[in-house]
């Protein structure tokens, strides 16, 4: 999101980094939800053509993150953390924001 804070053209390296990150994330999203990926890709192409503002691109990303498709946040990472705590003899795991588990569709993990 920080890469969207710029003015959209004055820093070639930042723009190249944004393009690479977006292309990689859209490719991953295509595996999980082609409709979401197509919408995000179209929005990113509109940004590149200066048809939308950078804030509109950020809003599209935030909308996706507020209701992500299942699998966007890998369950195995959460499971590995819990297993590591168990193996180390820890007495439990404290979850400070359980809403993130629901929103990111990780509760079943």
PDB file of N, CA and C in Angstrom:
ATOM      1  N   UNK A   1       0.822  -1.182   0.000  1.00  0.00           N
ATOM      2  CA  UNK A   1       0.000   0.000   0.000  1.00  0.00           C
ATOM      3  C   UNK A   1       0.873   1.255   0.000  1.00  0.00           C
ATOM      4  N   UNK A   2       2.031   1.158   0.629  1.00  0.00           N
ATOM      5  CA  UNK A   2       2.909   2.324   0.674  1.00  0.00           C
ATOM      6  C   UNK A   2       3.341   2.739  -0.724  1.00  0.00           C
ATOM      7  N   UNK A   3       3.482   1.784  -1.631  1.00  0.00           N
ATOM      8  CA  UNK A   3       3.889   2.115  -2.998  1.00  0.00           C
ATOM      9  C   UNK A   3       2.810   2.908  -3.735  1.00  0.00           C
ATOM     10  N   UNK A   4       1.589   2.854  -3.254  1.00  0.00           N
ATOM     11  CA  UNK A   4       0.507   3.621  -3.879  1.00  0.00           C
ATOM     12  C   UNK A   4       0.431   5.046  -3.356  1.00  0.00           C
ATOM     13  N   UNK A   5       1.236   5.370  -2.371  1.00  0.00           N
ATOM     14  CA  UNK A   5       1.215   6.712  -1.784  1.00  0.00           C
ATOM     15  C   UNK A   5       1.915   7.747  -2.653  1.00  0.00           C
ATOM     16  N   UNK A   6       2.778   7.302  -3.555  1.00  0.00           N
ATOM     17  CA  UNK A   6       3.517   8.241  -4.389  1.00  0.00           C
ATOM     18  C   UNK A   6       2.622   8.919  -5.416  1.00  0.00           C
ATOM     19  N   UNK A   7       3.241   9.696  -6.288  1.00  0.00           N
ATOM     20  CA  UNK A   7       2.471  10.436  -7.280  1.00  0.00           C
ATOM     21  C   UNK A   7       2.239   9.656  -8.566  1.00  0.00           C
ATOM     22  N   UNK A   8       2.859   8.493  -8.672  1.00  0.00           N
ATOM     23  CA  UNK A   8       2.582   7.642  -9.822  1.00  0.00           C
ATOM     24  C   UNK A   8       3.421   7.944 -11.047  1.00  0.00           C
ATOM     25  N   UNK A   9       4.675   8.153 -10.888  1.00  0.00           N
ATOM     26  CA  UNK A   9       5.494   8.315 -12.067  1.00  0.00           C
ATOM     27  C   UNK A   9       6.838   8.960 -11.828  1.00  0.00           C
ATOM     28  N   UNK A  10       7.024   9.579 -10.693  1.00  0.00           N
ATOM     29  CA  UNK A  10       8.276  10.286 -10.467  1.00  0.00           C
ATOM     30  C   UNK A  10       9.405   9.353 -10.054  1.00  0.00           C
ATOM     31  N   UNK A  11       9.100   8.162  -9.604  1.00  0.00           N
ATOM     32  CA  UNK A  11      10.120   7.227  -9.137  1.00  0.00           C
ATOM     33  C   UNK A  11       9.997   5.927  -9.928  1.00  0.00           C
ATOM     34  N   UNK A  12      10.842   5.773 -10.931  1.00  0.00           N
ATOM     35  CA  UNK A  12      10.770   4.612 -11.811  1.00  0.00           C
ATOM     36  C   UNK A  12      10.914   3.301 -11.040  1.00  0.00           C
ATOM     37  N   UNK A  13      11.833   3.245 -10.082  1.00  0.00           N
ATOM     38  CA  UNK A  13      12.058   2.012  -9.320  1.00  0.00           C
ATOM     39  C   UNK A  13      10.827   1.637  -8.506  1.00  0.00           C
ATOM     40  N   UNK A  14      10.183   2.611  -7.872  1.00  0.00           N
ATOM     41  CA  UNK A  14       8.976   2.333  -7.083  1.00  0.00           C
ATOM     42  C   UNK A  14       7.853   1.852  -7.994  1.00  0.00           C
ATOM     43  N   UNK A  15       7.740   2.447  -9.169  1.00  0.00           N
ATOM     44  CA  UNK A  15       6.692   2.030 -10.105  1.00  0.00           C
ATOM     45  C   UNK A  15       6.946   0.607 -10.598  1.00  0.00           C
ATOM     46  N   UNK A  16       8.196   0.282 -10.852  1.00  0.00           N
ATOM     47  CA  UNK A  16       8.547  -1.069 -11.287  1.00  0.00           C
ATOM     48  C   UNK A  16       8.277  -2.077 -10.177  1.00  0.00           C
ATOM     49  N   UNK A  17       8.577  -1.690  -8.949  1.00  0.00           N
ATOM     50  CA  UNK A  17       8.306  -2.573  -7.811  1.00  0.00           C
ATOM     51  C   UNK A  17       6.806  -2.789  -7.653  1.00  0.00           C
ATOM     52  N   UNK A  18       6.022  -1.724  -7.758  1.00  0.00           N
ATOM     53  CA  UNK A  18       4.568  -1.835  -7.663  1.00  0.00           C
ATOM     54  C   UNK A  18       4.033  -2.762  -8.749  1.00  0.00           C
ATOM     55  N   UNK A  19       4.511  -2.585  -9.975  1.00  0.00           N
ATOM     56  CA  UNK A  19       4.064  -3.429 -11.095  1.00  0.00           C
ATOM     57  C   UNK A  19       4.378  -4.896 -10.820  1.00  0.00           C
ATOM     58  N   UNK A  20       5.588  -5.178 -10.365  1.00  0.00           N
ATOM     59  CA  UNK A  20       5.977  -6.562 -10.077  1.00  0.00           C
ATOM     60  C   UNK A  20       5.137  -7.178  -8.970  1.00  0.00           C
ATOM     61  N   UNK A  21       4.916  -6.413  -7.907  1.00  0.00           N
ATOM     62  CA  UNK A  21       4.103  -6.926  -6.797  1.00  0.00           C
ATOM     63  C   UNK A  21       2.659  -7.178  -7.223  1.00  0.00           C
ATOM     64  N   UNK A  22       2.102  -6.233  -7.971  1.00  0.00           N
ATOM     65  CA  UNK A  22       0.716  -6.395  -8.411  1.00  0.00           C
ATOM     66  C   UNK A  22       0.575  -7.583  -9.346  1.00  0.00           C
ATOM     67  N   UNK A  23       1.495  -7.733 -10.278  1.00  0.00           N
ATOM     68  CA  UNK A  23       1.419  -8.865 -11.204  1.00  0.00           C
ATOM     69  C   UNK A  23       1.515 -10.188 -10.464  1.00  0.00           C
ATOM     70  N   UNK A  24       2.407 -10.278  -9.477  1.00  0.00           N
ATOM     71  CA  UNK A  24       2.549 -11.514  -8.702  1.00  0.00           C
ATOM     72  C   UNK A  24       1.286 -11.789  -7.880  1.00  0.00           C
ATOM     73  N   UNK A  25       0.741 -10.760  -7.266  1.00  0.00           N
ATOM     74  CA  UNK A  25      -0.461 -10.951  -6.441  1.00  0.00           C
ATOM     75  C   UNK A  25      -1.685 -11.278  -7.289  1.00  0.00           C
ATOM     76  N   UNK A  26      -1.800 -10.662  -8.439  1.00  0.00           N
ATOM     77  CA  UNK A  26      -2.920 -10.967  -9.328  1.00  0.00           C
ATOM     78  C   UNK A  26      -2.811 -12.401  -9.832  1.00  0.00           C
ATOM     79  N   UNK A  27      -1.595 -12.854 -10.152  1.00  0.00           N
ATOM     80  CA  UNK A  27      -1.400 -14.240 -10.602  1.00  0.00           C
ATOM     81  C   UNK A  27      -1.817 -15.222  -9.508  1.00  0.00           C
ATOM     82  N   UNK A  28      -1.439 -14.939  -8.270  1.00  0.00           N
ATOM     83  CA  UNK A  28      -1.842 -15.814  -7.158  1.00  0.00           C
ATOM     84  C   UNK A  28      -3.352 -15.769  -6.967  1.00  0.00           C
ATOM     85  N   UNK A  29      -3.927 -14.602  -7.077  1.00  0.00           N
ATOM     86  CA  UNK A  29      -5.366 -14.441  -6.912  1.00  0.00           C
ATOM     87  C   UNK A  29      -6.136 -15.199  -7.986  1.00  0.00           C
ATOM     88  N   UNK A  30      -5.585 -15.280  -9.201  1.00  0.00           N
ATOM     89  CA  UNK A  30      -6.236 -16.039 -10.274  1.00  0.00           C
ATOM     90  C   UNK A  30      -6.407 -17.506  -9.888  1.00  0.00           C
ATOM     91  N   UNK A  31      -5.476 -18.043  -9.115  1.00  0.00           N
ATOM     92  CA  UNK A  31      -5.568 -19.441  -8.679  1.00  0.00           C
ATOM     93  C   UNK A  31      -6.715 -19.645  -7.694  1.00  0.00           C
ATOM     94  N   UNK A  32      -7.044 -18.608  -6.939  1.00  0.00           N
ATOM     95  CA  UNK A  32      -8.039 -18.708  -5.878  1.00  0.00           C
ATOM     96  C   UNK A  32      -9.418 -18.211  -6.294  1.00  0.00           C
ATOM     97  N   UNK A  33      -9.432 -17.133  -7.061  1.00  0.00           N
ATOM     98  CA  UNK A  33     -10.695 -16.504  -7.440  1.00  0.00           C
ATOM     99  C   UNK A  33     -10.510 -15.701  -8.723  1.00  0.00           C
ATOM    100  N   UNK A  34     -10.721 -16.331  -9.871  1.00  0.00           N
ATOM    101  CA  UNK A  34     -10.560 -15.605 -11.126  1.00  0.00           C
ATOM    102  C   UNK A  34     -11.389 -14.311 -11.218  1.00  0.00           C
ATOM    103  N   UNK A  35     -12.633 -14.283 -10.734  1.00  0.00           N
ATOM    104  CA  UNK A  35     -13.373 -13.010 -10.817  1.00  0.00           C
ATOM    105  C   UNK A  35     -12.707 -11.876 -10.032  1.00  0.00           C
ATOM    106  N   UNK A  36     -12.215 -12.182  -8.826  1.00  0.00           N
ATOM    107  CA  UNK A  36     -11.506 -11.163  -8.042  1.00  0.00           C
ATOM    108  C   UNK A  36     -10.232 -10.715  -8.771  1.00  0.00           C
ATOM    109  N   UNK A  37      -9.524 -11.682  -9.343  1.00  0.00           N
ATOM    110  CA  UNK A  37      -8.274 -11.371 -10.039  1.00  0.00           C
ATOM    111  C   UNK A  37      -8.532 -10.497 -11.261  1.00  0.00           C
ATOM    112  N   UNK A  38      -9.570 -10.814 -12.018  1.00  0.00           N
ATOM    113  CA  UNK A  38      -9.892 -10.015 -13.208  1.00  0.00           C
ATOM    114  C   UNK A  38     -10.257  -8.591 -12.816  1.00  0.00           C
ATOM    115  N   UNK A  39     -11.024  -8.444 -11.747  1.00  0.00           N
ATOM    116  CA  UNK A  39     -11.417  -7.110 -11.295  1.00  0.00           C
ATOM    117  C   UNK A  39     -10.197  -6.303 -10.841  1.00  0.00           C
ATOM    118  N   UNK A  40      -9.316  -6.943 -10.078  1.00  0.00           N
ATOM    119  CA  UNK A  40      -8.125  -6.248  -9.599  1.00  0.00           C
ATOM    120  C   UNK A  40      -7.188  -5.915 -10.759  1.00  0.00           C
ATOM    121  N   UNK A  41      -7.063  -6.826 -11.705  1.00  0.00           N
ATOM    122  CA  UNK A  41      -6.220  -6.598 -12.866  1.00  0.00           C
ATOM    123  C   UNK A  41      -6.759  -5.427 -13.698  1.00  0.00           C
ATOM    124  N   UNK A  42      -8.059  -5.382 -13.894  1.00  0.00           N
ATOM    125  CA  UNK A  42      -8.667  -4.290 -14.656  1.00  0.00           C
ATOM    126  C   UNK A  42      -8.437  -2.951 -13.957  1.00  0.00           C
ATOM    127  N   UNK A  43      -8.557  -2.961 -12.645  1.00  0.00           N
ATOM    128  CA  UNK A  43      -8.336  -1.729 -11.877  1.00  0.00           C
ATOM    129  C   UNK A  43      -6.867  -1.295 -12.014  1.00  0.00           C
ATOM    130  N   UNK A  44      -5.947  -2.256 -11.941  1.00  0.00           N
ATOM    131  CA  UNK A  44      -4.528  -1.921 -12.053  1.00  0.00           C
ATOM    132  C   UNK A  44      -4.198  -1.394 -13.456  1.00  0.00           C
ATOM    133  N   UNK A  45      -4.803  -1.992 -14.480  1.00  0.00           N
ATOM    134  CA  UNK A  45      -4.594  -1.498 -15.842  1.00  0.00           C
ATOM    135  C   UNK A  45      -5.138  -0.080 -15.987  1.00  0.00           C
ATOM    136  N   UNK A  46      -6.268   0.189 -15.349  1.00  0.00           N
ATOM    137  CA  UNK A  46      -6.826   1.548 -15.384  1.00  0.00           C
ATOM    138  C   UNK A  46      -5.902   2.532 -14.696  1.00  0.00           C
ATOM    139  N   UNK A  47      -5.271   2.088 -13.626  1.00  0.00           N
ATOM    140  CA  UNK A  47      -4.302   2.947 -12.944  1.00  0.00           C
ATOM    141  C   UNK A  47      -3.138   3.269 -13.882  1.00  0.00           C
ATOM    142  N   UNK A  48      -2.645   2.257 -14.573  1.00  0.00           N
ATOM    143  CA  UNK A  48      -1.534   2.454 -15.501  1.00  0.00           C
ATOM    144  C   UNK A  48      -1.870   3.416 -16.632  1.00  0.00           C
ATOM    145  N   UNK A  49      -3.145   3.442 -17.020  1.00  0.00           N
ATOM    146  CA  UNK A  49      -3.590   4.348 -18.086  1.00  0.00           C
ATOM    147  C   UNK A  49      -4.061   5.685 -17.529  1.00  0.00           C
ATOM    148  N   UNK A  50      -3.887   5.864 -16.215  1.00  0.00           N
ATOM    149  CA  UNK A  50      -4.273   7.106 -15.529  1.00  0.00           C
ATOM    150  C   UNK A  50      -5.778   7.367 -15.593  1.00  0.00           C
ATOM    151  N   UNK A  51      -6.565   6.285 -15.709  1.00  0.00           N
ATOM    152  CA  UNK A  51      -8.022   6.422 -15.731  1.00  0.00           C
ATOM    153  C   UNK A  51      -8.600   6.481 -14.323  1.00  0.00           C
ATOM    154  N   UNK A  52      -7.841   5.956 -13.360  1.00  0.00           N
ATOM    155  CA  UNK A  52      -8.249   6.043 -11.960  1.00  0.00           C
ATOM    156  C   UNK A  52      -7.077   6.589 -11.153  1.00  0.00           C
ATOM    157  N   UNK A  53      -7.398   7.081  -9.976  1.00  0.00           N
ATOM    158  CA  UNK A  53      -6.368   7.625  -9.090  1.00  0.00           C
ATOM    159  C   UNK A  53      -5.777   6.504  -8.240  1.00  0.00           C
ATOM    160  N   UNK A  54      -4.633   6.771  -7.682  1.00  0.00           N
ATOM    161  CA  UNK A  54      -3.956   5.790  -6.834  1.00  0.00           C
ATOM    162  C   UNK A  54      -4.803   5.453  -5.607  1.00  0.00           C
ATOM    163  N   UNK A  55      -5.549   6.424  -5.095  1.00  0.00           N
ATOM    164  CA  UNK A  55      -6.434   6.163  -3.957  1.00  0.00           C
ATOM    165  C   UNK A  55      -7.522   5.160  -4.329  1.00  0.00           C
ATOM    166  N   UNK A  56      -7.995   5.211  -5.579  1.00  0.00           N
ATOM    167  CA  UNK A  56      -9.004   4.257  -6.039  1.00  0.00           C
ATOM    168  C   UNK A  56      -8.423   2.846  -6.118  1.00  0.00           C
ATOM    169  N   UNK A  57      -7.154   2.757  -6.514  1.00  0.00           N
ATOM    170  CA  UNK A  57      -6.484   1.455  -6.551  1.00  0.00           C
ATOM    171  C   UNK A  57      -6.348   0.904  -5.140  1.00  0.00           C
ATOM    172  N   UNK A  58      -5.938   1.756  -4.219  1.00  0.00           N
ATOM    173  CA  UNK A  58      -5.798   1.337  -2.821  1.00  0.00           C
ATOM    174  C   UNK A  58      -7.152   0.901  -2.261  1.00  0.00           C
ATOM    175  N   UNK A  59      -8.214   1.602  -2.618  1.00  0.00           N
ATOM    176  CA  UNK A  59      -9.555   1.237  -2.141  1.00  0.00           C
ATOM    177  C   UNK A  59      -9.949  -0.142  -2.666  1.00  0.00           C
ATOM    178  N   UNK A  60      -9.594  -0.440  -3.902  1.00  0.00           N
ATOM    179  CA  UNK A  60      -9.887  -1.757  -4.460  1.00  0.00           C
ATOM    180  C   UNK A  60      -9.153  -2.869  -3.729  1.00  0.00           C
ATOM    181  N   UNK A  61      -7.915  -2.610  -3.381  1.00  0.00           N
ATOM    182  CA  UNK A  61      -7.125  -3.591  -2.631  1.00  0.00           C
ATOM    183  C   UNK A  61      -7.721  -3.785  -1.232  1.00  0.00           C
ATOM    184  N   UNK A  62      -8.073  -2.689  -0.588  1.00  0.00           N
ATOM    185  CA  UNK A  62      -8.656  -2.776   0.754  1.00  0.00           C
ATOM    186  C   UNK A  62      -9.994  -3.524   0.730  1.00  0.00           C
ATOM    187  N   UNK A  63     -10.786  -3.318  -0.316  1.00  0.00           N
ATOM    188  CA  UNK A  63     -12.049  -4.042  -0.442  1.00  0.00           C
ATOM    189  C   UNK A  63     -11.794  -5.547  -0.559  1.00  0.00           C
ATOM    190  N   UNK A  64     -10.788  -5.899  -1.336  1.00  0.00           N
ATOM    191  CA  UNK A  64     -10.428  -7.316  -1.476  1.00  0.00           C
ATOM    192  C   UNK A  64      -9.977  -7.890  -0.138  1.00  0.00           C
ATOM    193  N   UNK A  65      -9.152  -7.150   0.579  1.00  0.00           N
ATOM    194  CA  UNK A  65      -8.632  -7.631   1.858  1.00  0.00           C
ATOM    195  C   UNK A  65      -9.707  -7.681   2.942  1.00  0.00           C
ATOM    196  N   UNK A  66     -10.759  -6.891   2.799  1.00  0.00           N
ATOM    197  CA  UNK A  66     -11.823  -6.913   3.810  1.00  0.00           C
ATOM    198  C   UNK A  66     -12.717  -8.138   3.658  1.00  0.00           C
ATOM    199  N   UNK A  67     -12.720  -8.752   2.481  1.00  0.00           N
ATOM    200  CA  UNK A  67     -13.470  -9.989   2.260  1.00  0.00           C
ATOM    201  C   UNK A  67     -12.687 -10.855   1.275  1.00  0.00           C
ATOM    202  N   UNK A  68     -11.543 -11.394   1.726  1.00  0.00           N
ATOM    203  CA  UNK A  68     -10.671 -12.139   0.812  1.00  0.00           C
ATOM    204  C   UNK A  68     -11.248 -13.497   0.441  1.00  0.00           C
ATOM    205  N   UNK A  69     -10.886 -13.998  -0.730  1.00  0.00           N
ATOM    206  CA  UNK A  69     -11.299 -15.358  -1.068  1.00  0.00           C
ATOM    207  C   UNK A  69     -10.564 -16.356  -0.168  1.00  0.00           C
ATOM    208  N   UNK A  70     -11.201 -17.475   0.080  1.00  0.00           N
ATOM    209  CA  UNK A  70     -10.576 -18.519   0.896  1.00  0.00           C
ATOM    210  C   UNK A  70      -9.237 -18.899   0.284  1.00  0.00           C
ATOM    211  N   UNK A  71      -8.229 -19.029   1.120  1.00  0.00           N
ATOM    212  CA  UNK A  71      -6.913 -19.442   0.668  1.00  0.00           C
ATOM    213  C   UNK A  71      -5.951 -18.293   0.418  1.00  0.00           C
ATOM    214  N   UNK A  72      -6.462 -17.059   0.402  1.00  0.00           N
ATOM    215  CA  UNK A  72      -5.557 -15.929   0.156  1.00  0.00           C
ATOM    216  C   UNK A  72      -4.506 -15.836   1.256  1.00  0.00           C
ATOM    217  N   UNK A  73      -4.925 -16.103   2.471  1.00  0.00           N
ATOM    218  CA  UNK A  73      -3.996 -16.142   3.601  1.00  0.00           C
ATOM    219  C   UNK A  73      -3.795 -17.619   3.947  1.00  0.00           C
ATOM    220  N   UNK A  74      -2.625 -18.176   3.654  1.00  0.00           N
ATOM    221  CA  UNK A  74      -2.388 -19.615   3.803  1.00  0.00           C
ATOM    222  C   UNK A  74      -2.591 -20.116   5.241  1.00  0.00           C
ATOM    223  N   UNK A  75      -3.443 -21.116   5.378  1.00  0.00           N
ATOM    224  CA  UNK A  75      -3.724 -21.703   6.682  1.00  0.00           C
ATOM    225  C   UNK A  75      -2.490 -22.345   7.292  1.00  0.00           C
ATOM    226  N   UNK A  76      -1.607 -22.879   6.444  1.00  0.00           N
ATOM    227  CA  UNK A  76      -0.468 -23.620   6.969  1.00  0.00           C
ATOM    228  C   UNK A  76       0.441 -22.758   7.838  1.00  0.00           C
ATOM    229  N   UNK A  77       0.496 -21.453   7.601  1.00  0.00           N
ATOM    230  CA  UNK A  77       1.330 -20.593   8.439  1.00  0.00           C
ATOM    231  C   UNK A  77       0.795 -20.542   9.865  1.00  0.00           C
ATOM    232  N   UNK A  78      -0.505 -20.392   9.998  1.00  0.00           N
ATOM    233  CA  UNK A  78      -1.120 -20.367  11.322  1.00  0.00           C
ATOM    234  C   UNK A  78      -0.936 -21.713  12.023  1.00  0.00           C
ATOM    235  N   UNK A  79      -1.151 -22.777  11.289  1.00  0.00           N
ATOM    236  CA  UNK A  79      -1.000 -24.124  11.860  1.00  0.00           C
ATOM    237  C   UNK A  79       0.443 -24.352  12.308  1.00  0.00           C
ATOM    238  N   UNK A  80       1.419 -23.915  11.513  1.00  0.00           N
ATOM    239  CA  UNK A  80       2.835 -24.084  11.887  1.00  0.00           C
ATOM    240  C   UNK A  80       3.168 -23.333  13.168  1.00  0.00           C
ATOM    241  N   UNK A  81       2.621 -22.142  13.337  1.00  0.00           N
ATOM    242  CA  UNK A  81       2.865 -21.370  14.562  1.00  0.00           C
ATOM    243  C   UNK A  81       2.312 -22.131  15.771  1.00  0.00           C
ATOM    244  N   UNK A  82       1.098 -22.619  15.649  1.00  0.00           N
ATOM    245  CA  UNK A  82       0.477 -23.350  16.761  1.00  0.00           C
ATOM    246  C   UNK A  82       1.270 -24.621  17.075  1.00  0.00           C
ATOM    247  N   UNK A  83       1.688 -25.344  16.040  1.00  0.00           N
ATOM    248  CA  UNK A  83       2.488 -26.559  16.252  1.00  0.00           C
ATOM    249  C   UNK A  83       3.825 -26.239  16.912  1.00  0.00           C
ATOM    250  N   UNK A  84       4.454 -25.156  16.517  1.00  0.00           N
ATOM    251  CA  UNK A  84       5.731 -24.752  17.109  1.00  0.00           C
ATOM    252  C   UNK A  84       5.561 -24.447  18.587  1.00  0.00           C
ATOM    253  N   UNK A  85       4.487 -23.753  18.923  1.00  0.00           N
ATOM    254  CA  UNK A  85       4.222 -23.442  20.335  1.00  0.00           C
ATOM    255  C   UNK A  85       4.006 -24.735  21.114  1.00  0.00           C
ATOM    256  N   UNK A  86       3.242 -25.661  20.569  1.00  0.00           N
ATOM    257  CA  UNK A  86       3.000 -26.941  21.238  1.00  0.00           C
ATOM    258  C   UNK A  86       4.301 -27.714  21.441  1.00  0.00           C
ATOM    259  N   UNK A  87       5.117 -27.788  20.392  1.00  0.00           N
ATOM    260  CA  UNK A  87       6.373 -28.540  20.453  1.00  0.00           C
ATOM    261  C   UNK A  87       7.359 -27.937  21.448  1.00  0.00           C
ATOM    262  N   UNK A  88       7.280 -26.630  21.627  1.00  0.00           N
ATOM    263  CA  UNK A  88       8.216 -25.976  22.537  1.00  0.00           C
ATOM    264  C   UNK A  88       7.748 -26.048  23.993  1.00  0.00           C
ATOM    265  N   UNK A  89       6.580 -26.619  24.202  1.00  0.00           N
ATOM    266  CA  UNK A  89       6.072 -26.744  25.565  1.00  0.00           C
ATOM    267  C   UNK A  89       5.276 -25.547  26.035  1.00  0.00           C
ATOM    268  N   UNK A  90       4.979 -24.647  25.118  1.00  0.00           N
ATOM    269  CA  UNK A  90       4.167 -23.481  25.481  1.00  0.00           C
ATOM    270  C   UNK A  90       2.786 -23.911  25.939  1.00  0.00           C
ATOM    271  N   UNK A  91       2.202 -23.104  26.796  1.00  0.00           N
ATOM    272  CA  UNK A  91       0.898 -23.473  27.377  1.00  0.00           C
ATOM    273  C   UNK A  91      -0.276 -23.014  26.527  1.00  0.00           C
ATOM    274  N   UNK A  92      -0.018 -22.330  25.461  1.00  0.00           N
ATOM    275  CA  UNK A  92      -1.111 -21.889  24.611  1.00  0.00           C
ATOM    276  C   UNK A  92      -0.694 -20.756  23.696  1.00  0.00           C
ATOM    277  N   UNK A  93      -1.650 -20.300  22.950  1.00  0.00           N
ATOM    278  CA  UNK A  93      -1.439 -19.215  22.001  1.00  0.00           C
ATOM    279  C   UNK A  93      -2.443 -18.125  22.325  1.00  0.00           C
ATOM    280  N   UNK A  94      -1.976 -16.899  22.420  1.00  0.00           N
ATOM    281  CA  UNK A  94      -2.865 -15.763  22.661  1.00  0.00           C
ATOM    282  C   UNK A  94      -3.207 -15.129  21.320  1.00  0.00           C
ATOM    283  N   UNK A  95      -4.483 -15.006  21.052  1.00  0.00           N
ATOM    284  CA  UNK A  95      -4.929 -14.368  19.815  1.00  0.00           C
ATOM    285  C   UNK A  95      -5.527 -13.021  20.197  1.00  0.00           C
ATOM    286  N   UNK A  96      -4.927 -11.966  19.705  1.00  0.00           N
ATOM    287  CA  UNK A  96      -5.347 -10.618  20.076  1.00  0.00           C
ATOM    288  C   UNK A  96      -6.446 -10.068  19.182  1.00  0.00           C
ATOM    289  N   UNK A  97      -6.586 -10.587  18.006  1.00  0.00           N
ATOM    290  CA  UNK A  97      -7.596 -10.074  17.080  1.00  0.00           C
ATOM    291  C   UNK A  97      -8.265 -11.248  16.373  1.00  0.00           C
ATOM    292  N   UNK A  98      -9.135 -11.927  17.086  1.00  0.00           N
ATOM    293  CA  UNK A  98      -9.809 -13.096  16.520  1.00  0.00           C
ATOM    294  C   UNK A  98     -10.606 -12.744  15.272  1.00  0.00           C
ATOM    295  N   UNK A  99     -11.023 -11.494  15.146  1.00  0.00           N
ATOM    296  CA  UNK A  99     -11.769 -11.099  13.950  1.00  0.00           C
ATOM    297  C   UNK A  99     -10.940 -11.318  12.694  1.00  0.00           C
ATOM    298  N   UNK A 100      -9.605 -11.218  12.806  1.00  0.00           N
ATOM    299  CA  UNK A 100      -8.748 -11.460  11.644  1.00  0.00           C
ATOM    300  C   UNK A 100      -8.837 -12.920  11.205  1.00  0.00           C
ATOM    301  N   UNK A 101      -8.986 -13.817  12.155  1.00  0.00           N
ATOM    302  CA  UNK A 101      -9.111 -15.230  11.793  1.00  0.00           C
ATOM    303  C   UNK A 101     -10.395 -15.473  11.007  1.00  0.00           C
ATOM    304  N   UNK A 102     -11.469 -14.835  11.421  1.00  0.00           N
ATOM    305  CA  UNK A 102     -12.733 -14.973  10.695  1.00  0.00           C
ATOM    306  C   UNK A 102     -12.658 -14.291   9.331  1.00  0.00           C
ATOM    307  N   UNK A 103     -12.220 -13.027   9.322  1.00  0.00           N
ATOM    308  CA  UNK A 103     -12.178 -12.249   8.088  1.00  0.00           C
ATOM    309  C   UNK A 103     -11.266 -12.891   7.048  1.00  0.00           C
ATOM    310  N   UNK A 104     -10.128 -13.428   7.498  1.00  0.00           N
ATOM    311  CA  UNK A 104      -9.169 -14.023   6.571  1.00  0.00           C
ATOM    312  C   UNK A 104      -9.423 -15.498   6.338  1.00  0.00           C
ATOM    313  N   UNK A 105     -10.573 -15.968   6.840  1.00  0.00           N
ATOM    314  CA  UNK A 105     -11.042 -17.340   6.627  1.00  0.00           C
ATOM    315  C   UNK A 105     -10.021 -18.377   7.123  1.00  0.00           C
ATOM    316  N   UNK A 106      -9.496 -18.111   8.332  1.00  0.00           N
ATOM    317  CA  UNK A 106      -8.497 -19.000   8.929  1.00  0.00           C
ATOM    318  C   UNK A 106      -9.035 -19.741  10.149  1.00  0.00           C
ATOM    319  N   UNK A 107     -10.261 -19.472  10.557  1.00  0.00           N
ATOM    320  CA  UNK A 107     -10.773 -20.057  11.803  1.00  0.00           C
ATOM    321  C   UNK A 107     -10.783 -21.583  11.736  1.00  0.00           C
ATOM    322  N   UNK A 108     -11.067 -22.130  10.602  1.00  0.00           N
ATOM    323  CA  UNK A 108     -11.130 -23.600  10.462  1.00  0.00           C
ATOM    324  C   UNK A 108      -9.748 -24.261  10.573  1.00  0.00           C
ATOM    325  N   UNK A 109      -8.694 -23.480  10.370  1.00  0.00           N
ATOM    326  CA  UNK A 109      -7.330 -24.030  10.424  1.00  0.00           C
ATOM    327  C   UNK A 109      -7.072 -24.583  11.803  1.00  0.00           C
TER     328      UNK A 109
END
